[in-house]
Protein backbone atom coordinates (compact mmCIF):
# COMPACT_ATOMS: atom_id res chain seq x y z
CA MET A 1 -10.89 -181.80 -99.40
CA ILE A 2 -10.76 -178.31 -97.88
CA LYS A 3 -13.25 -177.28 -95.19
CA PHE A 4 -14.21 -173.62 -94.73
CA ASP A 5 -16.55 -171.52 -92.63
CA MET A 6 -17.77 -169.08 -95.29
CA HIS A 7 -19.43 -166.42 -93.11
CA CYS A 8 -17.36 -165.08 -90.20
CA HIS A 9 -17.57 -161.73 -88.41
CA THR A 10 -14.53 -160.51 -86.49
CA LYS A 11 -14.29 -158.00 -83.69
CA GLY A 12 -11.65 -156.15 -85.71
CA GLY A 13 -14.11 -155.37 -88.49
CA SER A 14 -17.69 -155.84 -87.23
CA ILE A 15 -18.92 -153.74 -84.33
CA ASP A 16 -21.32 -156.52 -83.29
CA SER A 17 -18.70 -159.31 -83.13
CA SER A 18 -16.65 -160.37 -80.10
CA VAL A 19 -14.40 -162.95 -81.81
CA SER A 20 -10.85 -162.20 -82.95
CA VAL A 21 -9.31 -163.82 -86.04
CA GLU A 22 -6.82 -165.57 -83.75
CA ARG A 23 -9.66 -167.09 -81.74
CA TYR A 24 -11.46 -168.17 -84.92
CA ILE A 25 -8.34 -170.01 -86.05
CA GLU A 26 -8.02 -171.74 -82.69
CA LEU A 27 -11.68 -172.80 -82.56
CA LEU A 28 -12.03 -173.79 -86.22
CA SER A 29 -8.75 -175.72 -86.30
CA ALA A 30 -9.90 -177.76 -83.32
CA GLN A 31 -13.04 -178.69 -85.29
CA GLY A 32 -11.14 -179.83 -88.38
CA PHE A 33 -11.53 -176.72 -90.50
CA ASP A 34 -8.84 -175.66 -92.96
CA GLY A 35 -9.89 -172.04 -93.46
CA MET A 36 -12.33 -169.20 -92.99
CA LEU A 37 -13.76 -166.35 -95.03
CA ILE A 38 -13.93 -163.07 -93.12
CA THR A 39 -17.19 -161.34 -94.01
CA ASP A 40 -17.34 -158.22 -91.88
CA HIS A 41 -20.08 -155.67 -92.47
CA ASP A 42 -19.01 -153.27 -95.25
CA SER A 43 -15.43 -153.50 -94.09
CA TYR A 44 -12.04 -155.14 -94.66
CA LYS A 45 -10.70 -153.81 -91.35
CA GLY A 46 -10.73 -157.20 -89.62
CA TYR A 47 -8.75 -158.79 -92.43
CA ARG A 48 -6.30 -155.90 -92.64
CA LYS A 49 -5.66 -156.02 -88.90
CA TRP A 50 -4.96 -159.73 -89.16
CA GLN A 51 -2.56 -159.18 -92.07
CA LYS A 52 -0.59 -156.66 -90.02
CA SER A 53 -0.70 -158.66 -86.81
CA GLU A 54 2.41 -160.24 -85.32
CA LYS A 55 0.23 -163.25 -84.50
CA LYS A 56 -0.38 -163.97 -88.20
CA SER A 57 2.67 -166.25 -88.36
CA LYS A 58 1.10 -168.46 -85.68
CA GLY A 59 -1.78 -169.30 -87.99
CA GLY A 60 0.28 -171.99 -89.70
CA ASP A 61 -1.39 -173.53 -92.75
CA PHE A 62 -4.84 -172.27 -91.77
CA ARG A 63 -6.30 -170.16 -94.61
CA VAL A 64 -7.73 -166.73 -93.76
CA LEU A 65 -9.40 -165.12 -96.78
CA ALA A 66 -11.05 -161.74 -97.26
CA GLY A 67 -14.70 -161.29 -98.10
CA ILE A 68 -17.32 -158.76 -97.14
CA GLU A 69 -21.01 -158.72 -96.20
CA TYR A 70 -22.38 -155.74 -98.07
CA ASP A 71 -25.49 -153.80 -97.02
CA THR A 72 -27.38 -152.93 -100.20
CA LYS A 73 -29.92 -150.16 -100.49
CA ASP A 74 -32.73 -152.35 -101.77
CA ALA A 75 -31.97 -156.06 -101.33
CA GLY A 76 -30.46 -156.75 -97.92
CA HIS A 77 -27.10 -158.39 -97.29
CA PHE A 78 -24.85 -159.87 -99.97
CA LEU A 79 -21.65 -161.86 -99.48
CA VAL A 80 -18.91 -160.60 -101.80
CA ILE A 81 -15.60 -162.25 -102.68
CA MET A 82 -13.13 -160.26 -104.77
CA PRO A 83 -9.86 -161.38 -106.40
CA ASP A 84 -6.64 -161.40 -104.39
CA HIS A 85 -5.58 -158.06 -102.90
CA LEU A 86 -8.52 -156.20 -104.49
CA HIS A 87 -10.34 -154.35 -101.70
CA LEU A 88 -12.50 -151.81 -103.52
CA LYS A 89 -13.29 -148.78 -101.40
CA ILE A 90 -16.82 -148.63 -102.79
CA LEU A 91 -17.54 -151.99 -101.10
CA GLN A 92 -16.76 -150.32 -97.79
CA VAL A 93 -19.48 -147.73 -98.29
CA ARG A 94 -22.90 -149.26 -97.66
CA GLY A 95 -26.03 -148.37 -99.60
CA MET A 96 -25.47 -149.21 -103.27
CA PRO A 97 -28.46 -150.59 -105.22
CA VAL A 98 -28.10 -154.34 -105.70
CA GLU A 99 -27.88 -154.15 -109.50
CA LEU A 100 -24.98 -151.70 -109.32
CA LEU A 101 -23.26 -153.91 -106.75
CA ILE A 102 -23.56 -156.93 -109.05
CA HIS A 103 -22.19 -154.94 -111.98
CA ILE A 104 -19.17 -153.66 -110.05
CA VAL A 105 -18.30 -157.00 -108.48
CA HIS A 106 -18.45 -158.83 -111.80
CA ALA A 107 -16.63 -156.06 -113.68
CA PHE A 108 -13.66 -156.53 -111.35
CA GLY A 109 -13.69 -160.32 -111.43
CA GLY A 110 -15.46 -161.06 -108.16
CA ILE A 111 -18.42 -163.21 -107.18
CA LEU A 112 -21.37 -162.60 -104.88
CA GLY A 113 -24.59 -164.07 -103.55
CA PRO A 114 -27.37 -163.23 -101.09
CA ALA A 115 -26.65 -163.98 -97.45
CA HIS A 116 -29.51 -165.78 -95.63
CA PRO A 117 -31.97 -164.86 -98.45
CA PHE A 118 -35.03 -165.92 -96.39
CA GLY A 119 -33.61 -165.06 -92.97
CA THR A 120 -34.01 -161.99 -90.80
CA ARG A 121 -36.56 -159.79 -92.55
CA SER A 122 -34.60 -156.58 -92.13
CA SER A 123 -31.58 -157.80 -94.09
CA SER A 124 -32.59 -160.75 -96.28
CA ALA A 125 -33.01 -160.35 -100.03
CA MET A 126 -36.31 -162.15 -100.56
CA PHE A 127 -38.18 -159.87 -98.15
CA PHE A 128 -37.35 -156.76 -100.17
CA LYS A 129 -39.77 -155.37 -102.76
CA LYS A 130 -36.95 -155.02 -105.28
CA MET A 131 -36.32 -158.76 -105.36
CA ARG A 132 -39.99 -159.69 -105.39
CA GLN A 133 -40.69 -157.38 -108.32
CA HIS A 134 -37.51 -158.29 -110.22
CA PRO A 135 -36.69 -161.95 -109.47
CA GLU A 136 -34.59 -162.05 -112.65
CA ILE A 137 -31.86 -160.22 -110.72
CA LEU A 138 -31.09 -163.48 -108.93
CA GLN A 139 -30.03 -165.04 -112.21
CA LYS A 140 -26.99 -162.76 -112.06
CA VAL A 141 -25.66 -163.95 -108.70
CA ASP A 142 -22.95 -166.60 -108.45
CA PHE A 143 -24.11 -168.57 -105.40
CA ILE A 144 -26.73 -168.74 -102.67
CA GLU A 145 -26.01 -169.02 -98.97
CA GLY A 146 -28.04 -172.21 -98.58
CA PHE A 147 -27.34 -172.68 -94.89
CA ASN A 148 -26.83 -170.07 -92.19
CA THR A 149 -26.47 -171.19 -88.56
CA CYS A 150 -28.28 -168.12 -87.27
CA GLU A 151 -31.47 -168.70 -89.26
CA LYS A 152 -34.39 -171.11 -88.82
CA LYS A 153 -34.56 -174.49 -90.54
CA GLU A 154 -37.45 -173.21 -92.65
CA SER A 155 -35.39 -170.23 -93.83
CA ASN A 156 -32.50 -172.47 -94.84
CA TYR A 157 -34.86 -174.87 -96.61
CA LEU A 158 -36.27 -172.01 -98.69
CA ALA A 159 -32.73 -170.81 -99.49
CA THR A 160 -31.75 -174.29 -100.67
CA SER A 161 -34.90 -174.55 -102.78
CA LEU A 162 -34.13 -171.17 -104.34
CA ALA A 163 -30.62 -172.34 -105.27
CA GLU A 164 -32.03 -175.48 -106.88
CA GLU A 165 -34.58 -173.44 -108.82
CA LEU A 166 -31.88 -171.10 -110.11
CA ASP A 167 -29.30 -173.86 -110.58
CA LYS A 168 -26.81 -172.01 -108.39
CA PRO A 169 -24.22 -173.55 -106.04
CA CYS A 170 -24.79 -173.33 -102.30
CA ILE A 171 -22.36 -172.33 -99.60
CA ALA A 172 -22.83 -172.52 -95.84
CA GLY A 173 -21.57 -170.24 -93.09
CA SER A 174 -21.97 -169.88 -89.36
CA ASP A 175 -22.51 -166.10 -89.50
CA ALA A 176 -20.81 -166.21 -86.12
CA HIS A 177 -20.54 -163.05 -84.05
CA ASP A 178 -19.94 -164.98 -80.80
CA GLU A 179 -17.66 -167.91 -79.99
CA ALA A 180 -20.60 -170.24 -79.35
CA TYR A 181 -21.50 -170.39 -83.05
CA VAL A 182 -18.03 -170.61 -84.63
CA GLY A 183 -17.78 -173.67 -86.84
CA MET A 184 -21.47 -174.58 -86.72
CA ALA A 185 -21.61 -174.45 -90.55
CA TYR A 186 -19.21 -175.73 -93.17
CA THR A 187 -18.48 -175.71 -96.89
CA VAL A 188 -16.17 -178.41 -98.25
CA PHE A 189 -14.34 -177.93 -101.55
CA ASP A 190 -12.82 -180.75 -103.58
CA SER A 191 -9.95 -178.54 -104.76
CA ASP A 192 -7.21 -176.76 -102.85
CA ILE A 193 -8.12 -173.27 -101.66
CA SER A 194 -5.25 -171.04 -100.60
CA SER A 195 -6.31 -167.66 -102.03
CA ASN A 196 -9.34 -165.62 -103.04
CA ASN A 197 -8.63 -166.46 -106.67
CA ASP A 198 -8.76 -170.18 -105.82
CA LEU A 199 -12.03 -169.68 -103.97
CA ILE A 200 -13.64 -167.74 -106.82
CA LYS A 201 -12.57 -170.39 -109.32
CA ALA A 202 -13.87 -173.22 -107.13
CA VAL A 203 -17.30 -171.62 -106.74
CA ARG A 204 -17.56 -170.84 -110.45
CA GLU A 205 -16.57 -174.40 -111.39
CA GLY A 206 -18.94 -175.98 -108.88
CA ARG A 207 -16.17 -177.58 -106.82
CA ILE A 208 -18.31 -177.60 -103.67
CA ALA A 209 -18.45 -181.20 -102.44
CA GLN A 210 -20.46 -180.75 -99.23
CA TRP A 211 -22.11 -178.00 -97.23
CA GLY A 212 -24.36 -177.80 -94.20
CA GLY A 213 -24.33 -177.32 -90.46
CA ARG A 214 -26.34 -177.03 -87.28
CA VAL A 215 -28.93 -174.37 -86.54
CA ARG A 216 -28.41 -172.52 -83.28
CA ASP A 217 -31.09 -172.43 -80.60
CA TYR A 218 -33.68 -169.85 -81.58
CA THR A 219 -33.33 -167.49 -78.63
CA ARG A 220 -35.58 -164.70 -77.46
CA LYS A 221 -33.03 -162.24 -78.84
CA ALA A 222 -33.24 -163.91 -82.25
CA LYS A 223 -37.04 -163.79 -82.21
CA MET A 224 -36.94 -160.07 -81.42
CA LYS A 225 -34.92 -159.46 -84.60
CA ASP A 226 -38.01 -160.40 -86.62
CA SER A 227 -40.41 -158.19 -84.68
CA PHE A 228 -42.08 -155.33 -86.52
CA TYR A 229 -40.15 -152.64 -84.66
CA SER A 230 -36.78 -154.38 -85.07
CA VAL A 231 -37.26 -154.96 -88.79
CA TRP A 232 -38.36 -151.45 -89.64
CA GLY A 233 -35.97 -149.92 -87.12
CA PHE A 234 -33.00 -151.63 -88.79
CA LYS A 235 -34.25 -150.70 -92.27
CA ALA A 236 -34.55 -147.07 -91.18
CA TYR A 237 -31.07 -147.21 -89.66
CA ASN A 238 -29.59 -148.75 -92.80
CA ARG A 239 -31.34 -146.26 -95.07
CA SER A 240 -30.22 -143.32 -92.93
CA LEU A 241 -26.59 -144.40 -93.12
CA GLY A 242 -27.00 -144.92 -96.85
CA VAL A 243 -28.18 -141.33 -97.23
CA LEU A 244 -25.40 -140.07 -94.96
CA PHE A 245 -22.72 -141.82 -97.05
CA ALA A 246 -24.32 -140.93 -100.40
CA PRO A 247 -21.90 -138.10 -101.33
CA TYR A 248 -18.82 -140.24 -100.65
CA ARG A 249 -20.40 -143.24 -102.36
CA LYS A 250 -21.07 -141.18 -105.49
CA TYR A 251 -17.46 -139.97 -105.40
CA ARG A 252 -16.12 -143.54 -105.20
CA ILE A 253 -18.40 -144.68 -108.05
CA LYS A 254 -17.25 -141.77 -110.18
CA LYS A 255 -13.64 -142.78 -109.53
CA LEU A 256 -14.44 -146.34 -110.59
CA GLN A 257 -16.03 -145.13 -113.81
CA THR A 258 -12.64 -143.84 -114.95
CA SER A 259 -11.35 -147.41 -114.87
CA GLU A 260 -11.16 -149.30 -118.15
CA VAL A 261 -12.55 -152.36 -116.37
CA PHE A 262 -15.71 -150.56 -115.27
């Protein structure tokens, strides 16, 4: 059995995280974890910094794998896991429509699923018009984040129910940005996981034996994230960045279209 935290933000790759990869390894190892999936916002910087770090050798047998939490234009956050050593530049440019994201990820052999689908309204798939009007899109995802430490019990219950309805596997992640929440969610696989390819195969084959965790205290700060001004403020911020990056995003997509895979 291999125990992972499947949703981890690092200070090397997420501007809103204060936890280094080294500290994650220390904290997770002490709690009996075997590995972690780095899921920084639209970035592989945290993973790359770890790969180049002199401290990497001190990680021992602890598995550190590369994922990403992608900000879509029309469906909130999606967790993406690509094959080994494949860090597509387009995944580091926020703002793609969800259907294009799904197509690209699958075309290159990756898997993806909505993060906290019923969580914070500004970034959760099921609160976006696109997903309400086109629920069939969810049939194309590979998994659902059924438990997220940073969301309410009700939100996680709805996510689990959605996975059951779609017959999709569930994963769980702490979504930690601070040390206090590291390791508060777990996903246990019944096969060895030592690479992204192993992880993709395990999810596709339904080799998830257990998943779950503990919900954090719902703080005043967390409540404010669901306020009208916070929700629409974040959506406006995300959309503005999407527009700003549009020329480069189109360039990266055009480059991908020359690939035989795409």
